[in-house]
Amino acid sequence: MPKSYIFLLFFFLYSVALLYFGKSGYRETETINDFFVGGKRLGLFACVSTFVATWFSAASMQGLPGLIYTYGYAFVFYSVIPWFVGAGFLILLAPKLRASGAMTIPEYLNLRYKSKTIQVFGGLIVLLNFILYIVIQIRGFGIVISEFLEIPYTLAILIVYIFVLYTTFGGLFSIARSDGFNMFIVCMGVLIAVVMILERVGGFELLFEKAKMIEGFAIEGYSYYTPQGSLLHPLAGGNMPLLSLVSAFFGWGLGISTNPQYTARIIAAKDDKTAVNMIKTAIVLLIIIYACIIIIGLGSRAIMPRVEGVESIDAIFPFIFNSLLPSQISGLVFLSIMAAAISTANSQLLVAASSFVYDVLEILSIEEHSAEVLLGISRVVVFAAGSISLVLALSPPESLLVYGGYIWGMFSVSFLIPLYGGAFWSRATKKGAICSMVSGLSVMLVLIFCNYESQSIFDLNPAMPGVIVSACVFYAVSRLEGAGIL
């Protein structure tokens, strides 16, 4: 049987499962609270499943192994370590966020600072950021489908677009159930890939020995930076200087700590204990998964030191496994990459819709809307936001992981200081919060433009100066307002 037929069978079975889980959420969704946060009654298993599946995206499943394959250990410090530090911040925030009764981060800021302006501004930031970030998931899925099913990229991204819309229309109940299935698929695919890699290489010890001996270009058009030497060797310089690694924490790490897709899971938990245990349990599972991803990246390079005909780093992982593994096994890995993209995209689409409806429309609207009207509007926003992301995915960014760090940085420069400052500093003021958000975002946007003009993905992450400026402005304005000067 041709390999493409076997992949098509896997794809068909996965599609049937998604149809089932997507439909189940419609029956339980009656209010806007049900649609956005599952009625705030999700148990631990559902919370952990949707947290892990939402976290582990195409940037992790394709971008990270591709970059480790090409440049070595450096990107573990660029991405994985900041991610887990950011998750630690969420544990501190969870009790205060739940005690406020807010449904979204912008609403929490409104409750803390008594400012509808902050809520509307924050809602628009969330909407825009997630429209841009969903492009990553659509592109990741498109690369995999076009590689394994041998269909055009444009048709492939249209398929994921339909899947994401369908599972999102059922609200968080549908997403949480499909995320449980997706988490299982991701874990299974990653473990199978690791077993196959280690079998080819000859075990852990030989894997790292062979990785140290790698020299030369991994993919045409990209300079190399290999794992030669000690684990910390990439920090010495070259294409990934120490400043870039440190500044990445302000994008990825602090972005995670303020990311609405994770705070939505905290709010959706049935109680405070469940919310905190969700984060702790998810971190343990994710550490195991990312250890496997590192092995996949290094092991793939050891097995196939150079790839030919691959147009981007994000296509390396699916290309290698389609080339090296038996069709039955590579089909399971193929499903795991699909699951990672869909489980993140539908969550982000739901949060984008909730921010527009709950934080923008409801605040600016003169009249109240019924539950049915709000649900209808929410699904229209889901359709519109998903459609915009689809169009943007036709001309996607060069690197999923680096691009994602920029988007997450938008959250850190906008929300980090007002959110945590307001939660843990009683003297924080409304003017301080507003000026902090505007100044941090302005600095980052200017520096993003400068970074792209230089055409380098290894420059200083603009979130770092953005957060620093945001913090300084927040403190200064709050103190001046408290002293009666402003």
Protein backbone atom coordinates (compact mmCIF):
# COMPACT_ATOMS: atom_id res chain seq x y z
CA MET A 1 0.00 0.00 0.00
CA PRO A 2 1.44 3.45 -0.88
CA LYS A 3 2.69 5.44 2.09
CA SER A 4 0.32 8.33 1.37
CA TYR A 5 -2.68 5.97 1.70
CA ILE A 6 -1.55 4.89 5.16
CA PHE A 7 -1.15 8.50 6.21
CA LEU A 8 -4.58 9.24 4.82
CA LEU A 9 -6.05 6.45 6.98
CA PHE A 10 -4.45 7.94 10.11
CA PHE A 11 -5.75 11.33 9.09
CA PHE A 12 -9.29 9.97 8.58
CA LEU A 13 -9.37 8.28 12.01
CA TYR A 14 -8.07 11.42 13.68
CA SER A 15 -10.72 13.51 11.89
CA VAL A 16 -13.52 11.23 13.13
CA ALA A 17 -12.26 11.56 16.70
CA LEU A 18 -12.17 15.36 16.45
CA LEU A 19 -15.71 15.41 15.06
CA TYR A 20 -16.90 13.40 18.05
CA PHE A 21 -15.18 15.52 20.70
CA GLY A 22 -16.12 18.78 18.97
CA LYS A 23 -19.80 17.87 18.91
CA SER A 24 -19.91 16.91 22.59
CA GLY A 25 -19.31 20.46 23.81
CA TYR A 26 -22.32 21.96 22.06
CA ARG A 27 -24.79 20.18 24.34
CA GLU A 28 -23.30 21.57 27.57
CA THR A 29 -22.68 25.14 26.43
CA GLU A 30 -25.59 27.37 27.40
CA THR A 31 -23.99 30.60 28.63
CA ILE A 32 -21.00 32.75 27.74
CA ASN A 33 -19.38 31.54 30.95
CA ASP A 34 -19.71 27.93 29.72
CA PHE A 35 -18.35 28.86 26.30
CA PHE A 36 -15.23 30.69 27.47
CA VAL A 37 -14.24 29.04 30.77
CA GLY A 38 -16.30 25.84 30.97
CA GLY A 39 -18.54 27.20 33.68
CA LYS A 40 -15.48 27.33 35.98
CA ARG A 41 -15.98 23.67 36.87
CA LEU A 42 -13.26 21.67 35.09
CA GLY A 43 -11.66 18.84 37.09
CA LEU A 44 -7.94 18.12 37.40
CA PHE A 45 -7.66 15.69 34.47
CA ALA A 46 -9.50 18.02 32.10
CA CYS A 47 -7.44 21.00 33.30
CA VAL A 48 -4.10 19.22 32.94
CA SER A 49 -5.04 17.83 29.53
CA THR A 50 -6.08 21.18 28.10
CA PHE A 51 -3.14 23.02 29.74
CA VAL A 52 -0.53 20.62 28.32
CA ALA A 53 -2.16 20.32 24.90
CA THR A 54 -2.54 24.09 24.64
CA TRP A 55 1.07 24.66 25.73
CA PHE A 56 2.65 22.15 23.36
CA SER A 57 2.20 23.85 20.00
CA ALA A 58 3.70 23.67 16.51
CA ALA A 59 6.52 25.91 17.76
CA SER A 60 7.48 23.17 20.22
CA MET A 61 6.79 20.18 17.98
CA GLN A 62 8.44 21.50 14.82
CA GLY A 63 10.32 24.70 15.54
CA LEU A 64 12.28 23.45 18.57
CA PRO A 65 13.58 20.10 17.19
CA GLY A 66 14.41 21.81 13.90
CA LEU A 67 16.43 24.51 15.64
CA ILE A 68 18.18 22.02 17.94
CA TYR A 69 18.99 19.97 14.84
CA THR A 70 20.49 23.02 13.14
CA TYR A 71 22.12 24.98 15.97
CA GLY A 72 22.45 22.63 18.94
CA TYR A 73 21.67 23.11 22.62
CA ALA A 74 21.44 26.90 22.51
CA PHE A 75 17.74 26.92 21.75
CA VAL A 76 16.96 24.97 24.91
CA PHE A 77 18.16 28.05 26.80
CA TYR A 78 16.37 30.31 24.33
CA SER A 79 12.95 28.68 24.77
CA VAL A 80 12.39 25.72 27.09
CA ILE A 81 13.97 27.07 30.27
CA PRO A 82 12.20 30.48 30.01
CA TRP A 83 8.90 28.66 29.42
CA PHE A 84 9.14 26.76 32.69
CA VAL A 85 10.23 29.81 34.67
CA GLY A 86 7.17 31.61 33.31
CA ALA A 87 4.95 28.73 34.43
CA GLY A 88 6.31 29.18 37.96
CA PHE A 89 5.02 32.76 37.93
CA LEU A 90 1.53 31.44 37.12
CA ILE A 91 1.49 29.48 40.38
CA LEU A 92 1.93 32.75 42.28
CA LEU A 93 -0.79 34.49 40.29
CA ALA A 94 -3.43 31.73 40.37
CA PRO A 95 -4.96 32.38 43.85
CA LYS A 96 -5.28 36.13 43.30
CA LEU A 97 -6.70 35.72 39.81
CA ARG A 98 -9.34 33.27 40.97
CA ALA A 99 -10.23 35.34 44.05
CA SER A 100 -11.01 38.34 41.85
CA GLY A 101 -13.82 36.53 40.02
CA ALA A 102 -12.52 37.81 36.67
CA MET A 103 -13.00 35.81 33.47
CA THR A 104 -10.09 37.37 31.59
CA ILE A 105 -6.82 39.17 32.30
CA PRO A 106 -8.17 42.49 30.94
CA GLU A 107 -11.17 42.17 33.28
CA TYR A 108 -8.84 41.48 36.21
CA LEU A 109 -6.94 44.66 35.37
CA ASN A 110 -10.23 46.58 35.24
CA LEU A 111 -11.25 45.24 38.65
CA ARG A 112 -7.85 46.10 40.10
CA TYR A 113 -7.48 49.60 38.63
CA LYS A 114 -11.15 50.55 38.09
CA SER A 115 -10.52 51.34 34.44
CA LYS A 116 -12.66 50.18 31.53
CA THR A 117 -10.08 51.74 29.22
CA ILE A 118 -7.50 49.21 30.40
CA GLN A 119 -9.93 46.35 29.84
CA VAL A 120 -10.79 47.41 26.29
CA PHE A 121 -7.15 48.10 25.41
CA GLY A 122 -6.09 44.78 26.88
CA GLY A 123 -8.84 42.94 25.02
CA LEU A 124 -7.69 44.35 21.70
CA ILE A 125 -4.09 43.34 22.44
CA VAL A 126 -5.19 39.76 23.17
CA LEU A 127 -7.30 39.60 20.00
CA LEU A 128 -4.51 40.88 17.75
CA ASN A 129 -1.75 38.77 19.32
CA PHE A 130 -3.65 35.52 19.02
CA ILE A 131 -4.67 36.18 15.43
CA LEU A 132 -0.96 36.57 14.68
CA TYR A 133 0.08 33.56 16.77
CA ILE A 134 -2.48 31.17 15.27
CA VAL A 135 -0.55 31.63 12.02
CA ILE A 136 2.16 29.44 13.63
CA GLN A 137 -0.26 26.57 14.19
CA ILE A 138 -1.76 26.80 10.72
CA ARG A 139 1.67 26.88 9.10
CA GLY A 140 2.95 23.98 11.22
CA PHE A 141 -0.03 21.83 10.32
CA GLY A 142 0.26 22.84 6.67
CA ILE A 143 3.92 21.78 6.49
CA VAL A 144 3.13 18.36 7.96
CA ILE A 145 0.05 17.63 5.87
CA SER A 146 1.70 18.72 2.63
CA GLU A 147 4.78 16.60 3.43
CA PHE A 148 2.99 13.40 4.45
CA LEU A 149 -0.09 13.50 2.21
CA GLU A 150 1.78 15.08 -0.70
CA ILE A 151 -0.78 17.83 -1.25
CA PRO A 152 -0.26 21.58 -1.82
CA TYR A 153 0.45 23.73 1.25
CA THR A 154 -2.57 25.96 0.50
CA LEU A 155 -4.96 22.99 0.61
CA ALA A 156 -3.30 21.71 3.78
CA ILE A 157 -3.82 24.95 5.72
CA LEU A 158 -7.44 25.06 4.58
CA ILE A 159 -7.94 21.66 6.22
CA VAL A 160 -6.54 22.77 9.57
CA TYR A 161 -8.64 25.94 9.36
CA ILE A 162 -11.81 23.84 9.15
CA PHE A 163 -10.72 21.58 12.03
CA VAL A 164 -9.87 24.49 14.29
CA LEU A 165 -13.14 26.31 13.63
CA TYR A 166 -15.21 23.19 14.29
CA THR A 167 -13.58 22.32 17.62
CA THR A 168 -13.69 25.95 18.77
CA PHE A 169 -17.40 26.45 18.04
CA GLY A 170 -18.25 24.10 20.93
CA GLY A 171 -16.41 26.30 23.43
CA LEU A 172 -14.07 25.18 26.20
CA PHE A 173 -16.02 21.97 26.87
CA SER A 174 -15.30 20.77 23.32
CA ILE A 175 -11.72 21.97 23.44
CA ALA A 176 -11.00 20.34 26.81
CA ARG A 177 -12.28 16.95 25.62
CA SER A 178 -10.42 17.10 22.31
CA ASP A 179 -7.31 18.27 24.20
CA GLY A 180 -7.35 15.09 26.29
CA PHE A 181 -7.23 13.10 23.08
CA ASN A 182 -4.63 15.41 21.54
CA MET A 183 -2.39 15.20 24.61
CA PHE A 184 -2.43 11.40 24.37
CA ILE A 185 -1.56 11.56 20.67
CA VAL A 186 1.30 14.02 21.26
CA CYS A 187 2.81 11.93 24.07
CA MET A 188 2.52 8.74 22.05
CA GLY A 189 4.07 10.28 18.93
CA VAL A 190 6.96 11.85 20.83
CA LEU A 191 7.78 8.64 22.70
CA ILE A 192 7.66 6.58 19.50
CA ALA A 193 9.99 9.05 17.81
CA VAL A 194 12.47 8.88 20.71
CA VAL A 195 12.47 5.07 20.71
CA MET A 196 13.15 4.99 16.96
CA ILE A 197 15.89 7.62 17.26
CA LEU A 198 17.69 5.82 20.09
CA GLU A 199 17.43 2.50 18.28
CA ARG A 200 19.06 4.01 15.17
CA VAL A 201 21.78 5.85 17.10
CA GLY A 202 22.58 3.07 19.59
CA GLY A 203 21.44 4.55 22.91
CA PHE A 204 21.77 7.71 25.00
CA GLU A 205 25.54 7.62 25.42
CA LEU A 206 26.25 7.20 21.73
CA LEU A 207 23.69 9.88 20.87
CA PHE A 208 25.54 12.58 22.80
CA GLU A 209 28.92 11.34 21.66
CA LYS A 210 27.87 11.54 18.02
CA ALA A 211 26.26 14.95 18.58
CA LYS A 212 29.59 16.34 19.84
CA MET A 213 31.30 15.22 16.65
CA ILE A 214 28.90 16.97 14.27
CA GLU A 215 30.38 19.65 12.01
CA GLY A 216 29.13 21.51 8.96
CA PHE A 217 25.88 22.95 7.69
CA ALA A 218 22.64 21.18 8.57
CA ILE A 219 20.47 22.88 5.98
CA GLU A 220 21.41 25.03 3.02
CA GLY A 221 21.13 28.75 3.66
CA TYR A 222 21.55 28.52 7.45
CA SER A 223 24.86 28.95 9.23
CA TYR A 224 25.67 26.13 11.62
CA TYR A 225 26.13 26.09 15.34
CA THR A 226 26.44 22.51 16.52
CA PRO A 227 26.50 20.80 19.94
CA GLN A 228 30.25 20.22 19.72
CA GLY A 229 31.89 20.38 23.15
CA SER A 230 30.14 20.72 26.51
CA LEU A 231 26.47 21.32 27.14
CA LEU A 232 27.05 25.04 27.70
CA HIS A 233 29.26 25.43 24.64
CA PRO A 234 26.65 27.40 22.62
CA LEU A 235 26.68 30.13 25.28
CA ALA A 236 30.22 31.03 24.24
CA GLY A 237 29.13 33.11 21.29
CA GLY A 238 28.77 32.54 17.58
CA ASN A 239 25.31 32.82 16.11
CA MET A 240 23.57 32.76 19.49
CA PRO A 241 25.28 35.23 21.85
CA LEU A 242 24.52 35.22 25.55
CA LEU A 243 22.55 38.47 25.38
CA SER A 244 20.11 36.93 22.91
CA LEU A 245 19.53 33.97 25.21
CA VAL A 246 18.98 36.21 28.24
CA SER A 247 16.67 38.57 26.37
CA ALA A 248 14.58 35.62 25.15
CA PHE A 249 13.43 35.12 28.74
CA PHE A 250 11.60 38.46 28.56
CA GLY A 251 9.69 37.25 25.50
CA TRP A 252 9.00 33.56 26.05
CA GLY A 253 9.29 33.28 29.84
CA LEU A 254 7.52 36.43 30.97
CA GLY A 255 5.10 36.08 28.06
CA ILE A 256 4.03 32.69 29.41
CA SER A 257 3.45 34.20 32.86
CA THR A 258 0.92 36.67 31.45
CA ASN A 259 -0.52 34.59 28.62
CA PRO A 260 -4.34 34.61 28.56
CA GLN A 261 -4.59 31.06 27.20
CA TYR A 262 -3.05 29.72 30.44
CA THR A 263 -4.84 32.08 32.80
CA ALA A 264 -8.10 30.96 31.15
CA ARG A 265 -7.29 27.42 32.32
CA ILE A 266 -6.64 28.71 35.84
CA ILE A 267 -10.02 30.45 35.86
CA ALA A 268 -11.78 27.37 34.40
CA ALA A 269 -10.62 25.06 37.23
CA LYS A 270 -13.31 24.05 39.72
CA ASP A 271 -11.34 25.36 42.74
CA ASP A 272 -8.03 26.94 43.77
CA LYS A 273 -6.39 23.62 44.64
CA THR A 274 -7.21 22.20 41.22
CA ALA A 275 -5.79 25.28 39.50
CA VAL A 276 -2.43 25.09 41.30
CA ASN A 277 -2.17 21.30 40.97
CA MET A 278 -2.93 21.66 37.27
CA ILE A 279 0.14 23.84 36.73
CA LYS A 280 2.42 21.61 38.82
CA THR A 281 1.29 18.39 37.15
CA ALA A 282 1.47 19.93 33.69
CA ILE A 283 5.05 21.10 34.31
CA VAL A 284 6.15 17.55 35.18
CA LEU A 285 4.57 16.13 32.02
CA LEU A 286 6.03 18.89 29.88
CA ILE A 287 9.54 18.36 31.26
CA ILE A 288 9.36 14.75 30.09
CA ILE A 289 8.03 15.76 26.67
CA TYR A 290 10.70 18.41 26.13
CA ALA A 291 13.46 15.99 27.15
CA CYS A 292 12.18 13.79 24.36
CA ILE A 293 12.17 16.72 21.91
CA ILE A 294 15.83 17.46 22.69
CA ILE A 295 16.70 13.83 22.00
CA ILE A 296 14.76 13.98 18.73
CA GLY A 297 16.60 17.11 17.57
CA LEU A 298 20.09 15.87 18.43
CA GLY A 299 19.40 12.30 17.35
CA SER A 300 18.03 13.37 13.98
CA ARG A 301 21.22 15.34 13.33
CA ALA A 302 23.35 12.36 14.34
CA ILE A 303 21.45 10.07 11.97
CA MET A 304 21.15 12.52 9.07
CA PRO A 305 23.82 15.27 9.45
CA ARG A 306 22.50 17.26 6.52
CA VAL A 307 19.13 17.62 4.81
CA GLU A 308 18.69 18.49 1.16
CA GLY A 309 15.70 20.17 -0.43
CA VAL A 310 14.15 21.39 2.83
CA GLU A 311 13.08 25.02 2.59
CA SER A 312 12.86 25.89 6.29
CA ILE A 313 13.98 24.77 9.73
CA ASP A 314 10.38 24.01 10.72
CA ALA A 315 10.11 21.37 7.98
CA ILE A 316 13.17 19.38 9.14
CA PHE A 317 11.39 17.22 11.73
CA PRO A 318 8.57 15.97 9.47
CA PHE A 319 10.99 15.55 6.55
CA ILE A 320 13.41 13.36 8.50
CA PHE A 321 10.76 11.12 9.98
CA ASN A 322 9.00 10.74 6.69
CA SER A 323 12.33 9.73 5.16
CA LEU A 324 13.78 7.51 7.90
CA LEU A 325 10.92 5.73 9.65
CA PRO A 326 8.59 2.99 8.40
CA SER A 327 5.31 4.38 7.13
CA GLN A 328 3.23 2.97 10.00
CA ILE A 329 5.44 4.56 12.64
CA SER A 330 5.91 7.86 10.87
CA GLY A 331 2.14 8.05 10.52
CA LEU A 332 1.79 8.14 14.31
CA VAL A 333 4.43 10.85 14.56
CA PHE A 334 2.55 12.70 11.83
CA LEU A 335 -0.61 12.62 13.95
CA SER A 336 1.22 14.00 16.99
CA ILE A 337 2.41 17.04 15.03
CA MET A 338 -1.14 17.65 13.82
CA ALA A 339 -2.51 17.31 17.34
CA ALA A 340 0.01 19.84 18.70
CA ALA A 341 -1.02 22.45 16.14
CA ILE A 342 -4.80 22.00 16.45
CA SER A 343 -4.92 21.81 20.25
CA THR A 344 -3.13 25.15 20.55
CA ALA A 345 -4.91 26.95 17.71
CA ASN A 346 -8.45 26.26 18.91
CA SER A 347 -7.59 27.40 22.43
CA GLN A 348 -6.09 30.64 21.18
CA LEU A 349 -9.01 31.26 18.88
CA LEU A 350 -11.41 30.85 21.80
CA VAL A 351 -9.43 33.28 23.96
CA ALA A 352 -9.29 35.78 21.10
CA ALA A 353 -13.07 35.62 20.76
CA SER A 354 -13.62 35.91 24.51
CA SER A 355 -11.43 39.00 24.70
CA PHE A 356 -13.30 40.75 21.92
CA VAL A 357 -16.79 39.83 23.14
CA TYR A 358 -16.24 40.09 26.89
CA ASP A 359 -13.56 42.80 27.14
CA VAL A 360 -14.40 45.01 24.16
CA LEU A 361 -17.95 44.54 22.90
CA GLU A 362 -19.65 44.17 26.30
CA ILE A 363 -17.77 47.15 27.73
CA LEU A 364 -18.47 49.47 24.81
CA SER A 365 -22.02 48.29 24.10
CA ILE A 366 -24.86 50.46 25.35
CA GLU A 367 -27.42 47.67 25.67
CA GLU A 368 -27.19 44.24 27.28
CA HIS A 369 -27.17 41.09 25.15
CA SER A 370 -28.82 37.77 25.86
CA ALA A 371 -26.79 34.57 26.30
CA GLU A 372 -27.87 33.33 22.86
CA VAL A 373 -26.81 36.56 21.16
CA LEU A 374 -23.41 36.55 22.90
CA LEU A 375 -22.79 32.94 21.92
CA GLY A 376 -23.70 33.75 18.33
CA ILE A 377 -21.39 36.77 18.26
CA SER A 378 -18.60 34.72 19.83
CA ARG A 379 -18.80 32.12 17.06
CA VAL A 380 -18.81 34.85 14.42
CA VAL A 381 -15.63 36.29 15.96
CA VAL A 382 -14.09 32.80 16.00
CA PHE A 383 -14.83 32.50 12.29
CA ALA A 384 -13.51 35.98 11.46
CA ALA A 385 -10.30 35.70 13.53
CA GLY A 386 -9.58 32.23 12.16
CA SER A 387 -10.11 33.45 8.61
CA ILE A 388 -7.66 36.34 9.06
CA SER A 389 -5.05 33.93 10.47
CA LEU A 390 -5.59 31.64 7.49
CA VAL A 391 -4.89 34.48 5.05
CA LEU A 392 -1.77 35.51 6.98
CA ALA A 393 -0.54 31.90 6.93
CA LEU A 394 -0.26 32.09 3.15
CA SER A 395 2.91 34.15 3.72
CA PRO A 396 4.13 32.75 7.05
CA PRO A 397 7.13 33.85 9.18
CA GLU A 398 10.53 32.26 8.60
CA SER A 399 10.96 30.65 12.03
CA LEU A 400 8.01 29.51 14.15
CA LEU A 401 9.96 29.56 17.41
CA VAL A 402 11.54 33.01 17.01
CA TYR A 403 8.32 34.55 15.69
CA GLY A 404 6.43 33.03 18.64
CA GLY A 405 8.88 34.63 21.07
CA TYR A 406 8.04 38.02 19.59
CA ILE A 407 4.29 37.47 19.95
CA TRP A 408 4.60 36.25 23.54
CA GLY A 409 6.78 39.28 24.20
CA MET A 410 3.81 41.46 23.32
CA PHE A 411 2.03 39.98 26.33
CA SER A 412 4.98 40.53 28.65
CA VAL A 413 5.49 44.20 27.73
CA SER A 414 1.74 44.90 27.94
CA PHE A 415 0.48 42.85 30.89
CA LEU A 416 3.37 41.71 33.08
CA ILE A 417 4.02 44.81 35.16
CA PRO A 418 0.40 46.01 35.56
CA LEU A 419 -0.75 42.45 36.30
CA TYR A 420 1.84 41.33 38.84
CA GLY A 421 2.52 44.85 40.08
CA GLY A 422 -1.17 45.35 40.75
CA ALA A 423 -1.48 41.95 42.43
CA PHE A 424 1.48 42.35 44.80
CA TRP A 425 1.98 46.12 45.20
CA SER A 426 -0.82 48.02 46.89
CA ARG A 427 0.42 51.44 45.70
CA ALA A 428 0.05 50.63 42.01
CA THR A 429 -2.24 53.14 40.30
CA LYS A 430 -4.44 53.33 37.23
CA LYS A 431 -2.27 55.93 35.48
CA GLY A 432 0.80 53.86 36.24
CA ALA A 433 -0.81 50.79 34.66
CA ILE A 434 -1.98 52.61 31.53
CA CYS A 435 1.36 54.37 30.96
CA SER A 436 3.20 51.11 31.59
CA MET A 437 1.19 49.24 28.96
CA VAL A 438 1.49 51.96 26.33
CA SER A 439 5.22 52.62 26.86
CA GLY A 440 6.22 48.95 26.95
CA LEU A 441 4.24 48.12 23.83
CA SER A 442 5.56 51.18 21.97
CA VAL A 443 9.19 50.30 22.69
CA MET A 444 8.70 46.73 21.55
CA LEU A 445 6.97 47.64 18.30
CA VAL A 446 9.75 50.06 17.36
CA LEU A 447 12.44 47.47 18.12
CA ILE A 448 10.61 44.70 16.25
CA PHE A 449 10.68 46.87 13.16
CA CYS A 450 14.40 47.47 13.66
CA ASN A 451 15.08 43.74 14.15
CA TYR A 452 13.26 42.76 10.98
CA GLU A 453 15.02 45.51 9.06
CA SER A 454 18.35 43.95 10.07
CA GLN A 455 17.08 40.56 8.79
CA SER A 456 18.56 38.64 11.71
CA ILE A 457 16.68 36.20 13.95
CA PHE A 458 19.42 36.32 16.59
CA ASP A 459 19.18 39.93 17.61
CA LEU A 460 18.17 41.15 21.04
CA ASN A 461 14.60 40.14 21.81
CA PRO A 462 12.73 43.49 21.89
CA ALA A 463 10.65 42.33 24.85
CA MET A 464 13.63 42.87 27.16
CA PRO A 465 13.92 46.67 26.79
CA GLY A 466 10.12 46.82 26.52
CA VAL A 467 9.63 45.20 29.94
CA ILE A 468 12.35 47.32 31.51
CA VAL A 469 10.78 50.55 30.24
CA SER A 470 7.32 49.33 31.25
CA ALA A 471 8.51 48.62 34.81
CA CYS A 472 10.27 51.96 35.19
CA VAL A 473 7.27 53.92 33.90
CA PHE A 474 4.87 51.90 36.08
CA TYR A 475 6.83 52.61 39.25
CA ALA A 476 7.53 56.27 38.50
CA VAL A 477 4.00 57.21 37.48
CA SER A 478 2.41 55.28 40.36
CA ARG A 479 4.69 56.99 42.90
CA LEU A 480 4.07 60.43 41.39
CA GLU A 481 0.30 59.86 41.31
CA GLY A 482 0.37 58.61 44.88
CA ALA A 483 2.24 61.74 45.94
CA GLY A 484 -0.40 63.92 44.28
CA ILE A 485 1.99 65.23 41.61
CA LEU A 486 0.06 63.62 38.74
